[in-house]
């Protein structure tokens, strides 16, 4: 029997959410221990925000 494509998509989304939660927890614990990592994380967040804003203006 073949599996439903919808079921595969739901499984993929669930795996992605679990992986993101694990990475988020690991990153938060590392940032709490090391201020240099916290500074790099803030810089990366600003860069991602800038890229998202640029993409938003490109699609207008």
N, C-alpha and C. Protein backbone atom coordinates (compact mmCIF):
# COMPACT_ATOMS: atom_id res chain seq x y z
N UNK A 1 0.84 -1.18 0.00
CA UNK A 1 0.00 0.00 0.00
C UNK A 1 0.88 1.25 0.00
N UNK A 2 0.51 2.22 -0.78
CA UNK A 2 1.27 3.46 -0.83
C UNK A 2 0.77 4.42 0.26
N UNK A 3 1.71 5.17 0.78
CA UNK A 3 1.36 6.14 1.82
C UNK A 3 0.84 7.41 1.17
N UNK A 4 0.00 8.08 1.89
CA UNK A 4 -0.58 9.33 1.41
C UNK A 4 0.48 10.43 1.39
N UNK A 5 0.54 11.24 0.33
CA UNK A 5 1.48 12.36 0.30
C UNK A 5 1.23 13.35 1.44
N UNK A 6 -0.03 13.49 1.83
CA UNK A 6 -0.35 14.39 2.92
C UNK A 6 0.26 13.90 4.23
N UNK A 7 0.22 12.59 4.45
CA UNK A 7 0.80 12.02 5.66
C UNK A 7 2.31 12.25 5.68
N UNK A 8 2.95 12.07 4.53
CA UNK A 8 4.40 12.33 4.45
C UNK A 8 4.72 13.78 4.74
N UNK A 9 3.89 14.70 4.25
CA UNK A 9 4.12 16.12 4.50
C UNK A 9 3.95 16.43 5.99
N UNK A 10 2.94 15.87 6.62
CA UNK A 10 2.71 16.10 8.04
C UNK A 10 3.88 15.56 8.86
N UNK A 11 4.38 14.39 8.50
CA UNK A 11 5.54 13.83 9.19
C UNK A 11 6.77 14.74 9.02
N UNK A 12 6.96 15.24 7.81
CA UNK A 12 8.10 16.12 7.56
C UNK A 12 8.02 17.41 8.36
N UNK A 13 6.83 17.98 8.45
CA UNK A 13 6.64 19.20 9.24
C UNK A 13 6.91 18.91 10.72
N UNK A 14 6.42 17.78 11.20
CA UNK A 14 6.63 17.42 12.61
C UNK A 14 8.11 17.23 12.91
N UNK A 15 8.82 16.54 12.03
CA UNK A 15 10.26 16.34 12.23
C UNK A 15 10.99 17.68 12.22
N UNK A 16 10.60 18.57 11.31
CA UNK A 16 11.22 19.89 11.24
C UNK A 16 10.98 20.72 12.49
N UNK A 17 9.77 20.61 13.04
CA UNK A 17 9.46 21.36 14.26
C UNK A 17 10.25 20.83 15.44
N UNK A 18 10.38 19.52 15.55
CA UNK A 18 11.15 18.94 16.65
C UNK A 18 12.62 19.32 16.52
N UNK A 19 13.16 19.25 15.30
CA UNK A 19 14.56 19.62 15.08
C UNK A 19 14.78 21.10 15.40
N UNK A 20 13.86 21.95 14.99
CA UNK A 20 13.98 23.38 15.30
C UNK A 20 13.91 23.66 16.78
N UNK A 21 13.05 22.95 17.49
CA UNK A 21 12.95 23.14 18.94
C UNK A 21 14.25 22.71 19.63
N UNK A 22 14.81 21.59 19.19
CA UNK A 22 16.06 21.12 19.78
C UNK A 22 17.20 22.10 19.53
N UNK A 23 17.29 22.59 18.29
CA UNK A 23 18.35 23.56 17.98
C UNK A 23 18.13 24.88 18.72
N UNK A 24 16.88 25.29 18.87
CA UNK A 24 16.59 26.51 19.61
C UNK A 24 16.98 26.40 21.07
N UNK A 25 16.69 25.25 21.66
CA UNK A 25 17.06 25.04 23.07
C UNK A 25 18.58 25.01 23.23
N UNK A 26 19.26 24.31 22.33
CA UNK A 26 20.73 24.24 22.41
C UNK A 26 21.34 25.63 22.20
N UNK A 27 20.80 26.39 21.26
CA UNK A 27 21.32 27.73 21.02
C UNK A 27 21.07 28.67 22.19
N UNK A 28 19.91 28.55 22.81
CA UNK A 28 19.61 29.40 23.96
C UNK A 28 20.52 29.08 25.14
N UNK A 29 20.74 27.80 25.38
CA UNK A 29 21.61 27.45 26.51
C UNK A 29 23.04 27.88 26.24
N UNK A 30 23.49 27.79 24.98
CA UNK A 30 24.84 28.24 24.65
C UNK A 30 24.94 29.76 24.75
N UNK A 31 23.89 30.47 24.35
CA UNK A 31 23.91 31.93 24.41
C UNK A 31 23.90 32.41 25.86
N UNK A 32 23.21 31.68 26.73
CA UNK A 32 23.19 32.08 28.13
C UNK A 32 24.56 31.94 28.78
N UNK A 33 25.35 30.99 28.30
CA UNK A 33 26.67 30.74 28.89
C UNK A 33 27.75 31.66 28.32
N UNK A 34 27.60 32.10 27.07
CA UNK A 34 28.68 32.82 26.42
C UNK A 34 28.14 34.11 25.78
N UNK A 35 28.57 35.27 26.27
CA UNK A 35 28.07 36.53 25.69
C UNK A 35 28.48 36.75 24.24
N UNK A 36 29.62 36.18 23.81
CA UNK A 36 30.05 36.35 22.41
C UNK A 36 29.07 35.66 21.47
N UNK A 37 28.59 34.49 21.87
CA UNK A 37 27.61 33.78 21.06
C UNK A 37 26.31 34.58 21.00
N UNK A 38 25.91 35.17 22.11
CA UNK A 38 24.69 35.98 22.15
C UNK A 38 24.81 37.14 21.17
N UNK A 39 25.97 37.76 21.10
CA UNK A 39 26.18 38.88 20.18
C UNK A 39 26.09 38.41 18.73
N UNK A 40 26.65 37.23 18.43
CA UNK A 40 26.59 36.70 17.08
C UNK A 40 25.15 36.33 16.71
N UNK A 41 24.40 35.79 17.67
CA UNK A 41 23.01 35.43 17.40
C UNK A 41 22.19 36.67 17.09
N UNK A 42 22.40 37.74 17.84
CA UNK A 42 21.67 38.99 17.59
C UNK A 42 22.01 39.55 16.21
N UNK A 43 23.28 39.47 15.84
CA UNK A 43 23.70 39.95 14.52
C UNK A 43 23.05 39.11 13.41
N UNK A 44 22.99 37.80 13.62
CA UNK A 44 22.37 36.92 12.63
C UNK A 44 20.86 37.20 12.52
N UNK A 45 20.20 37.46 13.66
CA UNK A 45 18.77 37.78 13.62
C UNK A 45 18.52 39.07 12.84
N UNK A 46 19.36 40.06 13.03
CA UNK A 46 19.20 41.32 12.30
C UNK A 46 19.41 41.10 10.79
N UNK A 47 20.39 40.26 10.45
CA UNK A 47 20.65 39.98 9.04
C UNK A 47 19.47 39.26 8.39
N UNK A 48 18.91 38.28 9.10
CA UNK A 48 17.76 37.56 8.56
C UNK A 48 16.57 38.50 8.41
N UNK A 49 16.39 39.39 9.37
CA UNK A 49 15.31 40.37 9.29
C UNK A 49 15.49 41.28 8.08
N UNK A 50 16.72 41.72 7.83
CA UNK A 50 17.00 42.57 6.67
C UNK A 50 16.72 41.83 5.36
N UNK A 51 17.12 40.56 5.30
CA UNK A 51 16.87 39.77 4.09
C UNK A 51 15.37 39.59 3.88
N UNK A 52 14.63 39.34 4.95
CA UNK A 52 13.17 39.18 4.83
C UNK A 52 12.52 40.47 4.36
N UNK A 53 12.97 41.60 4.88
CA UNK A 53 12.41 42.89 4.44
C UNK A 53 12.73 43.15 2.97
N UNK A 54 13.94 42.82 2.55
CA UNK A 54 14.31 43.00 1.15
C UNK A 54 13.44 42.12 0.25
N UNK A 55 13.24 40.87 0.66
CA UNK A 55 12.39 39.97 -0.14
C UNK A 55 10.96 40.48 -0.20
N UNK A 56 10.50 41.05 0.91
CA UNK A 56 9.12 41.60 0.93
C UNK A 56 8.98 42.72 -0.10
N UNK A 57 9.98 43.60 -0.16
CA UNK A 57 9.90 44.69 -1.12
C UNK A 57 10.07 44.20 -2.56
N UNK A 58 10.83 43.12 -2.77
CA UNK A 58 11.01 42.59 -4.12
C UNK A 58 9.70 42.03 -4.67
N UNK A 59 8.89 41.44 -3.80
CA UNK A 59 7.64 40.81 -4.25
C UNK A 59 6.46 41.76 -4.29
N UNK A 60 6.66 43.04 -3.94
CA UNK A 60 5.56 44.00 -4.02
C UNK A 60 5.28 44.38 -5.44
